[in-house]
Amino acid sequence: MRYICQICGYIYDDAKEKTPFDSLPEDWKCPLCGALKSDFRPEEILQPEIMEKKMTAEADADLKELSAGQLSALCSNLSRGCEKQYKIEEAAMFRELADYFSSITPAIQDASVENIAALLQEDIDNYTAVRATADAAGDRGAARICVWGEKVTRMLSSLVSRYLREGETMLADTAIWVCTVCGFVYIGENAPELCPVCKVPAWKFEKIEGRTK
């Protein structure tokens, strides 16, 4: 039997582990994200024809057209998810797709800093309703994403507001770091020792290089 973490997707396979999942202590936690044992669910095993019908029905219910930019972001996130599961080939393929969709994404004509600030504030305002829905449904994974997402969005909003006040001087003689786990953005000479949002160490941060002129 295989058990899947509902927060990060980590798979605990009884056939490969020394201890069966049911025999793990109740305080056992996911080795990747620290989720509780109760956050794991048995993998649903269905016959191929049943699985195909189930996936088709779910796709029909949720199907909607995505823009090239949205597809790029989706494939980028899937690539990072594969990296966390050590699926290097799959991660590379999703990264290739992300780069392709990014290359055909049309430029946004009204992408001013002021408009970005307004959109970030709109996202912040919407988090209350989204978090309430997640809590009402008892969805711990979605609730956690809401917590991380709101913190990251608030930090981005703060940085944009600061940029509107200070301009390019804000970025002079410093560096920009992005947490590869939750997306937290930090401005400073060195990355923080721990991400303030998801608590991963400094080596999980990527340094964003400036644009060449």
N, C-alpha and C. Protein backbone atom coordinates (compact mmCIF):
# COMPACT_ATOMS: atom_id res chain seq x y z
N MET A 1 0.85 -1.19 0.00
CA MET A 1 0.00 0.00 0.00
C MET A 1 0.89 1.24 0.00
N ARG A 2 0.47 2.24 -0.76
CA ARG A 2 1.18 3.51 -0.81
C ARG A 2 0.30 4.60 -0.21
N TYR A 3 0.93 5.50 0.55
CA TYR A 3 0.21 6.60 1.20
C TYR A 3 0.81 7.91 0.71
N ILE A 4 -0.06 8.86 0.41
CA ILE A 4 0.37 10.12 -0.20
C ILE A 4 0.09 11.30 0.74
N CYS A 5 1.10 12.14 0.94
CA CYS A 5 0.93 13.35 1.74
C CYS A 5 0.04 14.32 0.98
N GLN A 6 -1.02 14.77 1.62
CA GLN A 6 -1.97 15.66 0.97
C GLN A 6 -1.46 17.10 0.87
N ILE A 7 -0.30 17.38 1.48
CA ILE A 7 0.25 18.73 1.44
C ILE A 7 1.35 18.86 0.39
N CYS A 8 2.31 17.94 0.39
CA CYS A 8 3.43 18.08 -0.55
C CYS A 8 3.50 16.98 -1.59
N GLY A 9 2.69 15.91 -1.43
CA GLY A 9 2.69 14.84 -2.42
C GLY A 9 3.70 13.73 -2.17
N TYR A 10 4.44 13.79 -1.05
CA TYR A 10 5.41 12.73 -0.73
C TYR A 10 4.70 11.38 -0.64
N ILE A 11 5.33 10.35 -1.18
CA ILE A 11 4.73 9.01 -1.19
C ILE A 11 5.47 8.10 -0.22
N TYR A 12 4.71 7.51 0.71
CA TYR A 12 5.27 6.51 1.63
C TYR A 12 4.82 5.15 1.13
N ASP A 13 5.78 4.36 0.67
CA ASP A 13 5.49 3.06 0.06
C ASP A 13 5.84 1.95 1.03
N ASP A 14 4.82 1.23 1.50
CA ASP A 14 5.06 0.15 2.46
C ASP A 14 6.04 -0.88 1.91
N ALA A 15 6.01 -1.10 0.59
CA ALA A 15 6.86 -2.12 -0.01
C ALA A 15 8.34 -1.74 0.04
N LYS A 16 8.64 -0.44 0.18
CA LYS A 16 10.02 0.01 0.16
C LYS A 16 10.54 0.44 1.53
N GLU A 17 9.63 0.60 2.49
CA GLU A 17 10.02 1.05 3.82
C GLU A 17 10.11 -0.13 4.80
N LYS A 18 10.92 0.03 5.84
CA LYS A 18 11.06 -1.03 6.83
C LYS A 18 9.84 -1.16 7.72
N THR A 19 9.17 -0.03 7.97
CA THR A 19 8.02 -0.02 8.86
C THR A 19 6.74 0.26 8.08
N PRO A 20 5.73 -0.59 8.20
CA PRO A 20 4.45 -0.30 7.53
C PRO A 20 3.88 1.03 8.02
N PHE A 21 3.18 1.72 7.13
CA PHE A 21 2.65 3.03 7.47
C PHE A 21 1.76 2.98 8.71
N ASP A 22 0.90 1.97 8.79
CA ASP A 22 -0.02 1.86 9.93
C ASP A 22 0.70 1.68 11.25
N SER A 23 1.97 1.19 11.20
CA SER A 23 2.73 0.96 12.43
C SER A 23 3.58 2.16 12.84
N LEU A 24 3.61 3.20 12.02
CA LEU A 24 4.36 4.41 12.38
C LEU A 24 3.71 5.08 13.59
N PRO A 25 4.51 5.68 14.48
CA PRO A 25 3.92 6.38 15.63
C PRO A 25 3.05 7.55 15.19
N GLU A 26 2.09 7.92 16.01
CA GLU A 26 1.15 8.98 15.64
C GLU A 26 1.82 10.33 15.50
N ASP A 27 2.99 10.51 16.14
CA ASP A 27 3.69 11.79 16.02
C ASP A 27 4.69 11.80 14.85
N TRP A 28 4.67 10.76 14.03
CA TRP A 28 5.52 10.72 12.83
C TRP A 28 5.10 11.83 11.88
N LYS A 29 6.08 12.40 11.19
CA LYS A 29 5.80 13.52 10.28
C LYS A 29 6.39 13.26 8.90
N CYS A 30 5.81 13.90 7.92
CA CYS A 30 6.29 13.79 6.55
C CYS A 30 7.75 14.26 6.48
N PRO A 31 8.65 13.47 5.91
CA PRO A 31 10.06 13.86 5.87
C PRO A 31 10.35 15.05 4.96
N LEU A 32 9.41 15.40 4.09
CA LEU A 32 9.63 16.53 3.19
C LEU A 32 9.06 17.84 3.73
N CYS A 33 7.79 17.80 4.17
CA CYS A 33 7.15 19.07 4.56
C CYS A 33 6.75 19.13 6.03
N GLY A 34 6.94 18.04 6.77
CA GLY A 34 6.61 18.06 8.19
C GLY A 34 5.15 17.86 8.48
N ALA A 35 4.36 17.45 7.47
CA ALA A 35 2.93 17.22 7.70
C ALA A 35 2.72 16.05 8.65
N LEU A 36 1.58 16.07 9.33
CA LEU A 36 1.26 15.01 10.27
C LEU A 36 0.92 13.71 9.55
N LYS A 37 1.01 12.62 10.27
CA LYS A 37 0.62 11.32 9.72
C LYS A 37 -0.83 11.36 9.25
N SER A 38 -1.66 12.09 9.96
CA SER A 38 -3.09 12.18 9.61
C SER A 38 -3.33 12.92 8.29
N ASP A 39 -2.29 13.60 7.78
CA ASP A 39 -2.42 14.31 6.51
C ASP A 39 -2.16 13.40 5.31
N PHE A 40 -1.83 12.14 5.58
CA PHE A 40 -1.61 11.18 4.50
C PHE A 40 -2.90 10.43 4.20
N ARG A 41 -3.07 10.07 2.93
CA ARG A 41 -4.23 9.30 2.51
C ARG A 41 -3.76 8.11 1.67
N PRO A 42 -4.44 6.97 1.76
CA PRO A 42 -4.06 5.82 0.91
C PRO A 42 -4.22 6.17 -0.56
N GLU A 43 -3.29 5.69 -1.35
CA GLU A 43 -3.38 5.93 -2.78
C GLU A 43 -4.59 5.19 -3.35
N GLU A 44 -5.36 5.89 -4.15
CA GLU A 44 -6.54 5.29 -4.73
C GLU A 44 -6.13 4.44 -5.92
N ILE A 45 -6.45 3.14 -5.83
CA ILE A 45 -6.07 2.20 -6.88
C ILE A 45 -7.32 1.82 -7.66
N LEU A 46 -7.34 2.16 -8.94
CA LEU A 46 -8.49 1.88 -9.78
C LEU A 46 -8.04 1.14 -11.04
N GLN A 47 -8.94 0.38 -11.60
CA GLN A 47 -8.67 -0.27 -12.87
C GLN A 47 -8.48 0.81 -13.95
N PRO A 48 -7.65 0.55 -14.96
CA PRO A 48 -7.37 1.57 -15.98
C PRO A 48 -8.62 2.18 -16.60
N GLU A 49 -9.62 1.33 -16.94
CA GLU A 49 -10.80 1.88 -17.60
C GLU A 49 -11.61 2.75 -16.64
N ILE A 50 -11.63 2.38 -15.35
CA ILE A 50 -12.34 3.18 -14.36
C ILE A 50 -11.61 4.49 -14.12
N MET A 51 -10.28 4.42 -14.05
CA MET A 51 -9.46 5.61 -13.86
C MET A 51 -9.65 6.59 -15.00
N GLU A 52 -9.71 6.05 -16.26
CA GLU A 52 -9.90 6.93 -17.42
C GLU A 52 -11.23 7.65 -17.35
N LYS A 53 -12.29 6.93 -16.98
CA LYS A 53 -13.60 7.55 -16.88
C LYS A 53 -13.63 8.60 -15.77
N LYS A 54 -12.98 8.28 -14.65
CA LYS A 54 -12.95 9.21 -13.52
C LYS A 54 -12.20 10.49 -13.90
N MET A 55 -11.04 10.33 -14.56
CA MET A 55 -10.25 11.49 -14.95
C MET A 55 -11.00 12.33 -15.99
N THR A 56 -11.70 11.67 -16.91
CA THR A 56 -12.44 12.39 -17.93
C THR A 56 -13.56 13.20 -17.31
N ALA A 57 -14.28 12.59 -16.36
CA ALA A 57 -15.38 13.29 -15.69
C ALA A 57 -14.86 14.49 -14.92
N GLU A 58 -13.73 14.32 -14.20
CA GLU A 58 -13.17 15.42 -13.43
C GLU A 58 -12.67 16.53 -14.36
N ALA A 59 -12.06 16.13 -15.48
CA ALA A 59 -11.56 17.13 -16.43
C ALA A 59 -12.71 17.92 -17.04
N ASP A 60 -13.78 17.23 -17.37
CA ASP A 60 -14.93 17.91 -17.96
C ASP A 60 -15.54 18.91 -16.97
N ALA A 61 -15.51 18.55 -15.67
CA ALA A 61 -16.10 19.42 -14.66
C ALA A 61 -15.25 20.66 -14.41
N ASP A 62 -13.91 20.50 -14.50
CA ASP A 62 -13.01 21.59 -14.14
C ASP A 62 -12.35 22.26 -15.34
N LEU A 63 -12.65 21.78 -16.55
CA LEU A 63 -11.95 22.26 -17.73
C LEU A 63 -12.20 23.74 -17.98
N LYS A 64 -11.13 24.46 -18.21
CA LYS A 64 -11.24 25.84 -18.63
C LYS A 64 -9.97 26.20 -19.40
N GLU A 65 -10.11 27.15 -20.28
CA GLU A 65 -8.99 27.53 -21.13
C GLU A 65 -8.02 28.40 -20.35
N LEU A 66 -6.75 28.05 -20.44
CA LEU A 66 -5.70 28.82 -19.78
C LEU A 66 -4.90 29.59 -20.81
N SER A 67 -4.42 30.74 -20.41
CA SER A 67 -3.57 31.53 -21.28
C SER A 67 -2.18 30.93 -21.32
N ALA A 68 -1.37 31.36 -22.27
CA ALA A 68 0.01 30.87 -22.37
C ALA A 68 0.79 31.20 -21.09
N GLY A 69 0.55 32.38 -20.55
CA GLY A 69 1.24 32.75 -19.31
C GLY A 69 0.85 31.87 -18.15
N GLN A 70 -0.45 31.54 -18.05
CA GLN A 70 -0.91 30.66 -16.98
C GLN A 70 -0.34 29.25 -17.15
N LEU A 71 -0.28 28.78 -18.39
CA LEU A 71 0.29 27.46 -18.65
C LEU A 71 1.78 27.43 -18.31
N SER A 72 2.47 28.54 -18.57
CA SER A 72 3.89 28.63 -18.22
C SER A 72 4.07 28.52 -16.71
N ALA A 73 3.24 29.26 -15.96
CA ALA A 73 3.33 29.22 -14.50
C ALA A 73 2.98 27.83 -13.98
N LEU A 74 1.96 27.20 -14.57
CA LEU A 74 1.55 25.86 -14.16
C LEU A 74 2.66 24.85 -14.38
N CYS A 75 3.25 24.87 -15.58
CA CYS A 75 4.32 23.92 -15.88
C CYS A 75 5.56 24.18 -15.03
N SER A 76 5.82 25.44 -14.73
CA SER A 76 6.95 25.78 -13.86
C SER A 76 6.75 25.20 -12.47
N ASN A 77 5.53 25.32 -11.93
CA ASN A 77 5.24 24.75 -10.62
C ASN A 77 5.32 23.23 -10.64
N LEU A 78 4.84 22.62 -11.72
CA LEU A 78 4.92 21.17 -11.84
C LEU A 78 6.38 20.72 -11.92
N SER A 79 7.22 21.51 -12.58
CA SER A 79 8.64 21.19 -12.66
C SER A 79 9.27 21.18 -11.28
N ARG A 80 8.94 22.21 -10.48
CA ARG A 80 9.50 22.27 -9.12
C ARG A 80 8.96 21.13 -8.28
N GLY A 81 7.69 20.77 -8.48
CA GLY A 81 7.13 19.64 -7.74
C GLY A 81 7.86 18.34 -8.07
N CYS A 82 8.19 18.15 -9.34
CA CYS A 82 8.93 16.96 -9.74
C CYS A 82 10.34 16.96 -9.14
N GLU A 83 10.95 18.13 -9.08
CA GLU A 83 12.29 18.23 -8.48
C GLU A 83 12.25 17.77 -7.03
N LYS A 84 11.20 18.16 -6.31
CA LYS A 84 11.09 17.78 -4.90
C LYS A 84 10.88 16.28 -4.73
N GLN A 85 10.34 15.64 -5.77
CA GLN A 85 10.15 14.19 -5.75
C GLN A 85 11.32 13.45 -6.43
N TYR A 86 12.39 14.21 -6.74
CA TYR A 86 13.60 13.67 -7.37
C TYR A 86 13.30 13.02 -8.73
N LYS A 87 12.31 13.57 -9.43
CA LYS A 87 11.99 13.10 -10.78
C LYS A 87 12.60 14.09 -11.77
N ILE A 88 13.88 13.90 -12.02
CA ILE A 88 14.67 14.86 -12.76
C ILE A 88 14.22 14.98 -14.22
N GLU A 89 13.97 13.85 -14.87
CA GLU A 89 13.57 13.89 -16.29
C GLU A 89 12.23 14.59 -16.45
N GLU A 90 11.28 14.26 -15.57
CA GLU A 90 9.96 14.89 -15.65
C GLU A 90 10.06 16.38 -15.38
N ALA A 91 10.93 16.75 -14.42
CA ALA A 91 11.11 18.17 -14.10
C ALA A 91 11.66 18.92 -15.31
N ALA A 92 12.60 18.30 -16.02
CA ALA A 92 13.19 18.95 -17.19
C ALA A 92 12.15 19.14 -18.30
N MET A 93 11.27 18.15 -18.47
CA MET A 93 10.25 18.26 -19.51
C MET A 93 9.24 19.36 -19.19
N PHE A 94 8.83 19.45 -17.91
CA PHE A 94 7.91 20.51 -17.52
C PHE A 94 8.58 21.88 -17.64
N ARG A 95 9.88 21.94 -17.34
CA ARG A 95 10.61 23.20 -17.48
C ARG A 95 10.66 23.62 -18.94
N GLU A 96 10.86 22.65 -19.84
CA GLU A 96 10.88 22.95 -21.28
C GLU A 96 9.53 23.49 -21.73
N LEU A 97 8.45 22.88 -21.24
CA LEU A 97 7.12 23.36 -21.58
C LEU A 97 6.89 24.77 -21.03
N ALA A 98 7.34 25.00 -19.80
CA ALA A 98 7.18 26.32 -19.18
C ALA A 98 7.91 27.38 -20.00
N ASP A 99 9.12 27.06 -20.44
CA ASP A 99 9.89 28.02 -21.24
C ASP A 99 9.21 28.29 -22.58
N TYR A 100 8.61 27.24 -23.17
CA TYR A 100 7.94 27.44 -24.45
C TYR A 100 6.73 28.36 -24.28
N PHE A 101 5.87 28.07 -23.31
CA PHE A 101 4.69 28.90 -23.12
C PHE A 101 5.07 30.33 -22.73
N SER A 102 6.17 30.45 -22.00
CA SER A 102 6.64 31.79 -21.64
C SER A 102 7.07 32.56 -22.89
N SER A 103 7.68 31.86 -23.85
CA SER A 103 8.18 32.51 -25.06
C SER A 103 7.06 33.01 -25.95
N ILE A 104 5.86 32.41 -25.85
CA ILE A 104 4.75 32.84 -26.71
C ILE A 104 3.73 33.67 -25.95
N THR A 105 4.04 34.01 -24.70
CA THR A 105 3.14 34.85 -23.92
C THR A 105 3.25 36.30 -24.39
N PRO A 106 2.17 36.90 -24.83
CA PRO A 106 2.25 38.28 -25.31
C PRO A 106 2.58 39.25 -24.17
N ALA A 107 3.25 40.31 -24.52
CA ALA A 107 3.61 41.32 -23.52
C ALA A 107 2.34 41.99 -22.99
N ILE A 108 2.35 42.26 -21.70
CA ILE A 108 1.21 42.95 -21.08
C ILE A 108 1.44 44.45 -21.20
N GLN A 109 0.51 45.11 -21.84
CA GLN A 109 0.70 46.52 -22.16
C GLN A 109 0.61 47.44 -20.95
N ASP A 110 -0.20 47.04 -19.95
CA ASP A 110 -0.42 47.93 -18.80
C ASP A 110 0.28 47.42 -17.54
N ALA A 111 1.44 46.80 -17.73
CA ALA A 111 2.15 46.21 -16.59
C ALA A 111 2.97 47.27 -15.85
N SER A 112 2.31 48.32 -15.42
CA SER A 112 2.99 49.36 -14.64
C SER A 112 3.11 48.91 -13.19
N VAL A 113 4.02 49.52 -12.47
CA VAL A 113 4.19 49.18 -11.06
C VAL A 113 2.91 49.48 -10.28
N GLU A 114 2.25 50.56 -10.65
CA GLU A 114 1.00 50.93 -9.97
C GLU A 114 -0.07 49.86 -10.16
N ASN A 115 -0.18 49.32 -11.38
CA ASN A 115 -1.17 48.27 -11.63
C ASN A 115 -0.81 46.98 -10.90
N ILE A 116 0.48 46.68 -10.83
CA ILE A 116 0.91 45.50 -10.09
C ILE A 116 0.56 45.65 -8.62
N ALA A 117 0.75 46.85 -8.07
CA ALA A 117 0.41 47.09 -6.67
C ALA A 117 -1.08 46.88 -6.43
N ALA A 118 -1.91 47.34 -7.37
CA ALA A 118 -3.36 47.18 -7.24
C ALA A 118 -3.76 45.71 -7.30
N LEU A 119 -3.13 44.94 -8.20
CA LEU A 119 -3.45 43.52 -8.33
C LEU A 119 -3.02 42.74 -7.09
N LEU A 120 -1.88 43.10 -6.53
CA LEU A 120 -1.44 42.44 -5.31
C LEU A 120 -2.40 42.70 -4.16
N GLN A 121 -2.88 43.94 -4.05
CA GLN A 121 -3.85 44.26 -3.00
C GLN A 121 -5.16 43.49 -3.21
N GLU A 122 -5.54 43.33 -4.46
CA GLU A 122 -6.76 42.56 -4.77
C GLU A 122 -6.60 41.11 -4.31
N ASP A 123 -5.41 40.55 -4.55
CA ASP A 123 -5.14 39.18 -4.09
C ASP A 123 -5.23 39.09 -2.57
N ILE A 124 -4.65 40.06 -1.89
CA ILE A 124 -4.67 40.06 -0.42
C ILE A 124 -6.11 40.11 0.09
N ASP A 125 -6.92 40.94 -0.54
CA ASP A 125 -8.32 41.06 -0.12
C ASP A 125 -9.09 39.76 -0.33
N ASN A 126 -8.69 38.98 -1.35
CA ASN A 126 -9.40 37.74 -1.65
C ASN A 126 -9.00 36.58 -0.76
N TYR A 127 -7.86 36.68 -0.10
CA TYR A 127 -7.38 35.56 0.70
C TYR A 127 -8.32 35.24 1.86
N THR A 128 -8.98 36.23 2.42
CA THR A 128 -9.89 35.99 3.54
C THR A 128 -10.99 35.01 3.15
N ALA A 129 -11.60 35.24 1.98
CA ALA A 129 -12.67 34.36 1.53
C ALA A 129 -12.14 32.98 1.16
N VAL A 130 -10.98 32.93 0.52
CA VAL A 130 -10.40 31.64 0.13
C VAL A 130 -10.03 30.82 1.36
N ARG A 131 -9.43 31.47 2.34
CA ARG A 131 -9.04 30.77 3.57
C ARG A 131 -10.29 30.27 4.30
N ALA A 132 -11.35 31.07 4.33
CA ALA A 132 -12.59 30.66 4.99
C ALA A 132 -13.17 29.42 4.33
N THR A 133 -13.10 29.35 3.00
CA THR A 133 -13.59 28.19 2.26
C THR A 133 -12.76 26.95 2.59
N ALA A 134 -11.44 27.11 2.65
CA ALA A 134 -10.56 25.99 2.98
C ALA A 134 -10.81 25.48 4.39
N ASP A 135 -10.99 26.40 5.33
CA ASP A 135 -11.25 26.01 6.71
C ASP A 135 -12.59 25.30 6.84
N ALA A 136 -13.59 25.82 6.13
CA ALA A 136 -14.93 25.23 6.20
C ALA A 136 -14.92 23.80 5.64
N ALA A 137 -14.08 23.57 4.64
CA ALA A 137 -13.99 22.25 4.03
C ALA A 137 -13.04 21.32 4.80
N GLY A 138 -12.36 21.87 5.80
CA GLY A 138 -11.40 21.06 6.55
C GLY A 138 -10.19 20.66 5.73
N ASP A 139 -9.86 21.46 4.73
CA ASP A 139 -8.74 21.16 3.84
C ASP A 139 -7.47 21.80 4.39
N ARG A 140 -6.70 21.01 5.12
CA ARG A 140 -5.49 21.53 5.78
C ARG A 140 -4.45 21.97 4.75
N GLY A 141 -4.35 21.20 3.64
CA GLY A 141 -3.38 21.56 2.62
C GLY A 141 -3.69 22.91 2.00
N ALA A 142 -4.96 23.13 1.62
CA ALA A 142 -5.35 24.40 1.02
C ALA A 142 -5.19 25.55 2.02
N ALA A 143 -5.53 25.28 3.29
CA ALA A 143 -5.38 26.31 4.31
C ALA A 143 -3.92 26.72 4.46
N ARG A 144 -3.04 25.72 4.40
CA ARG A 144 -1.61 26.02 4.53
C ARG A 144 -1.12 26.83 3.34
N ILE A 145 -1.59 26.48 2.15
CA ILE A 145 -1.22 27.25 0.96
C ILE A 145 -1.69 28.68 1.09
N CYS A 146 -2.91 28.85 1.65
CA CYS A 146 -3.44 30.21 1.85
C CYS A 146 -2.55 31.01 2.79
N VAL A 147 -2.09 30.37 3.85
CA VAL A 147 -1.22 31.05 4.81
C VAL A 147 0.07 31.49 4.13
N TRP A 148 0.72 30.55 3.45
CA TRP A 148 1.96 30.88 2.76
C TRP A 148 1.72 31.92 1.68
N GLY A 149 0.67 31.70 0.88
CA GLY A 149 0.39 32.61 -0.22
C GLY A 149 0.13 34.02 0.25
N GLU A 150 -0.64 34.17 1.31
CA GLU A 150 -0.94 35.51 1.81
C GLU A 150 0.31 36.19 2.34
N LYS A 151 1.16 35.45 3.05
CA LYS A 151 2.39 36.04 3.57
C LYS A 151 3.31 36.50 2.44
N VAL A 152 3.46 35.65 1.43
CA VAL A 152 4.31 36.00 0.29
C VAL A 152 3.74 37.20 -0.46
N THR A 153 2.41 37.19 -0.66
CA THR A 153 1.77 38.30 -1.39
C THR A 153 1.89 39.60 -0.62
N ARG A 154 1.74 39.55 0.69
CA ARG A 154 1.88 40.76 1.50
C ARG A 154 3.30 41.30 1.42
N MET A 155 4.29 40.40 1.40
CA MET A 155 5.67 40.85 1.28
C MET A 155 5.90 41.49 -0.08
N LEU A 156 5.36 40.89 -1.15
CA LEU A 156 5.50 41.48 -2.48
C LEU A 156 4.83 42.85 -2.54
N SER A 157 3.66 42.95 -1.93
CA SER A 157 2.96 44.23 -1.91
C SER A 157 3.79 45.28 -1.17
N SER A 158 4.40 44.87 -0.08
CA SER A 158 5.24 45.79 0.69
C SER A 158 6.45 46.25 -0.13
N LEU A 159 7.07 45.31 -0.84
CA LEU A 159 8.23 45.65 -1.66
C LEU A 159 7.86 46.58 -2.80
N VAL A 160 6.70 46.34 -3.42
CA VAL A 160 6.24 47.20 -4.51
C VAL A 160 5.94 48.60 -3.99
N SER A 161 5.30 48.67 -2.83
CA SER A 161 5.01 49.98 -2.23
C SER A 161 6.30 50.73 -1.93
N ARG A 162 7.28 50.00 -1.44
CA ARG A 162 8.57 50.61 -1.15
C ARG A 162 9.23 51.09 -2.43
N TYR A 163 9.11 50.29 -3.50
CA TYR A 163 9.70 50.67 -4.78
C TYR A 163 9.06 51.93 -5.33
N LEU A 164 7.75 52.05 -5.14
CA LEU A 164 7.06 53.26 -5.61
C LEU A 164 7.57 54.50 -4.89
N ARG A 165 8.02 54.33 -3.65
CA ARG A 165 8.55 55.46 -2.89
C ARG A 165 10.01 55.74 -3.21
N GLU A 166 10.82 54.67 -3.35
CA GLU A 166 12.27 54.83 -3.44
C GLU A 166 12.83 54.70 -4.85
N GLY A 167 12.09 54.03 -5.74
CA GLY A 167 12.59 53.83 -7.09
C GLY A 167 13.78 52.88 -7.14
N GLU A 168 14.64 53.05 -8.15
CA GLU A 168 15.77 52.15 -8.36
C GLU A 168 16.79 52.18 -7.23
N THR A 169 16.79 53.25 -6.43
CA THR A 169 17.75 53.31 -5.32
C THR A 169 17.50 52.18 -4.32
N MET A 170 16.29 51.69 -4.30
CA MET A 170 15.94 50.59 -3.39
C MET A 170 16.77 49.34 -3.70
N LEU A 171 17.15 49.17 -4.97
CA LEU A 171 17.85 47.96 -5.40
C LEU A 171 19.35 48.18 -5.58
N ALA A 172 19.83 49.36 -5.25
CA ALA A 172 21.26 49.66 -5.44
C ALA A 172 22.11 48.94 -4.40
N ASP A 173 23.20 48.36 -4.86
CA ASP A 173 24.19 47.72 -3.97
C ASP A 173 23.57 46.67 -3.08
N THR A 174 22.65 45.89 -3.60
CA THR A 174 22.05 44.81 -2.82
C THR A 174 21.68 43.68 -3.77
N ALA A 175 21.03 42.65 -3.26
CA ALA A 175 20.65 41.51 -4.08
C ALA A 175 19.20 41.13 -3.79
N ILE A 176 18.61 40.41 -4.74
CA ILE A 176 17.25 39.92 -4.58
C ILE A 176 17.29 38.40 -4.51
N TRP A 177 16.65 37.85 -3.48
CA TRP A 177 16.63 36.41 -3.27
C TRP A 177 15.18 35.92 -3.25
N VAL A 178 14.95 34.76 -3.87
CA VAL A 178 13.60 34.18 -3.89
C VAL A 178 13.65 32.76 -3.34
N CYS A 179 12.80 32.47 -2.39
CA CYS A 179 12.70 31.12 -1.83
C CYS A 179 12.10 30.20 -2.90
N THR A 180 12.80 29.13 -3.22
CA THR A 180 12.32 28.21 -4.26
C THR A 180 11.19 27.32 -3.76
N VAL A 181 10.89 27.39 -2.48
CA VAL A 181 9.82 26.55 -1.94
C VAL A 181 8.48 27.29 -1.91
N CYS A 182 8.48 28.49 -1.33
CA CYS A 182 7.20 29.20 -1.17
C CYS A 182 7.12 30.49 -1.97
N GLY A 183 8.24 30.95 -2.54
CA GLY A 183 8.22 32.16 -3.35
C GLY A 183 8.49 33.45 -2.59
N PHE A 184 8.83 33.36 -1.31
CA PHE A 184 9.12 34.55 -0.52
C PHE A 184 10.29 35.32 -1.14
N VAL A 185 10.16 36.64 -1.22
CA VAL A 185 11.19 37.49 -1.83
C VAL A 185 11.89 38.28 -0.73
N TYR A 186 13.21 38.24 -0.78
CA TYR A 186 14.01 38.94 0.23
C TYR A 186 15.04 39.81 -0.47
N ILE A 187 15.19 41.03 0.01
CA ILE A 187 16.18 41.95 -0.55
C ILE A 187 17.26 42.19 0.50
N GLY A 188 18.48 41.84 0.16
CA GLY A 188 19.60 41.98 1.08
C GLY A 188 20.85 41.41 0.47
N GLU A 189 21.97 41.64 1.10
CA GLU A 189 23.25 41.17 0.56
C GLU A 189 23.30 39.65 0.51
N ASN A 190 22.77 39.01 1.56
CA ASN A 190 22.74 37.55 1.63
C ASN A 190 21.32 37.08 1.91
N ALA A 191 21.03 35.84 1.51
CA ALA A 191 19.71 35.27 1.79
C ALA A 191 19.56 35.06 3.29
N PRO A 192 18.33 35.13 3.82
CA PRO A 192 18.13 34.89 5.26
C PRO A 192 18.49 33.46 5.63
N GLU A 193 18.92 33.24 6.86
CA GLU A 193 19.30 31.90 7.30
C GLU A 193 18.14 30.93 7.20
N LEU A 194 16.94 31.42 7.51
CA LEU A 194 15.72 30.62 7.37
C LEU A 194 14.66 31.46 6.67
N CYS A 195 13.91 30.83 5.78
CA CYS A 195 12.82 31.56 5.13
C CYS A 195 11.78 31.94 6.19
N PRO A 196 11.40 33.21 6.27
CA PRO A 196 10.43 33.64 7.27
C PRO A 196 9.05 33.00 7.10
N VAL A 197 8.75 32.51 5.90
CA VAL A 197 7.43 31.94 5.64
C VAL A 197 7.43 30.42 5.84
N CYS A 198 8.29 29.71 5.07
CA CYS A 198 8.23 28.25 5.12
C CYS A 198 9.37 27.61 5.89
N LYS A 199 10.31 28.42 6.41
CA LYS A 199 11.36 27.97 7.31
C LYS A 199 12.44 27.10 6.68
N VAL A 200 12.57 27.11 5.36
CA VAL A 200 13.65 26.34 4.75
C VAL A 200 14.96 27.12 4.88
N PRO A 201 16.12 26.44 4.80
CA PRO A 201 17.41 27.12 4.98
C PRO A 201 17.79 28.00 3.80
N ALA A 202 18.85 28.77 4.00
CA ALA A 202 19.27 29.77 3.02
C ALA A 202 19.59 29.17 1.66
N TRP A 203 20.10 27.94 1.62
CA TRP A 203 20.50 27.37 0.34
C TRP A 203 19.30 27.08 -0.56
N LYS A 204 18.09 27.18 -0.02
CA LYS A 204 16.88 27.00 -0.83
C LYS A 204 16.50 28.28 -1.57
N PHE A 205 17.24 29.35 -1.33
CA PHE A 205 16.98 30.62 -2.01
C PHE A 205 17.79 30.72 -3.29
N GLU A 206 17.20 31.33 -4.31
CA GLU A 206 17.91 31.61 -5.56
C GLU A 206 18.15 33.11 -5.68
N LYS A 207 19.34 33.46 -6.13
CA LYS A 207 19.68 34.87 -6.34
C LYS A 207 19.20 35.28 -7.72
N ILE A 208 18.44 36.36 -7.78
CA ILE A 208 17.93 36.87 -9.05
C ILE A 208 18.92 37.88 -9.60
N GLU A 209 19.45 37.57 -10.78
CA GLU A 209 20.43 38.45 -11.37
C GLU A 209 19.73 39.62 -12.08
N GLY A 210 20.37 40.77 -12.08
CA GLY A 210 19.81 41.94 -12.72
C GLY A 210 19.76 41.80 -14.23
N ARG A 211 18.87 42.57 -14.85
CA ARG A 211 18.73 42.52 -16.29
C ARG A 211 19.94 43.18 -16.95
N THR A 212 20.37 42.62 -18.06
CA THR A 212 21.47 43.23 -18.80
C THR A 212 20.92 44.34 -19.69
N LYS A 213 21.63 45.41 -19.82
CA LYS A 213 21.17 46.54 -20.61
C LYS A 213 21.75 46.51 -22.01
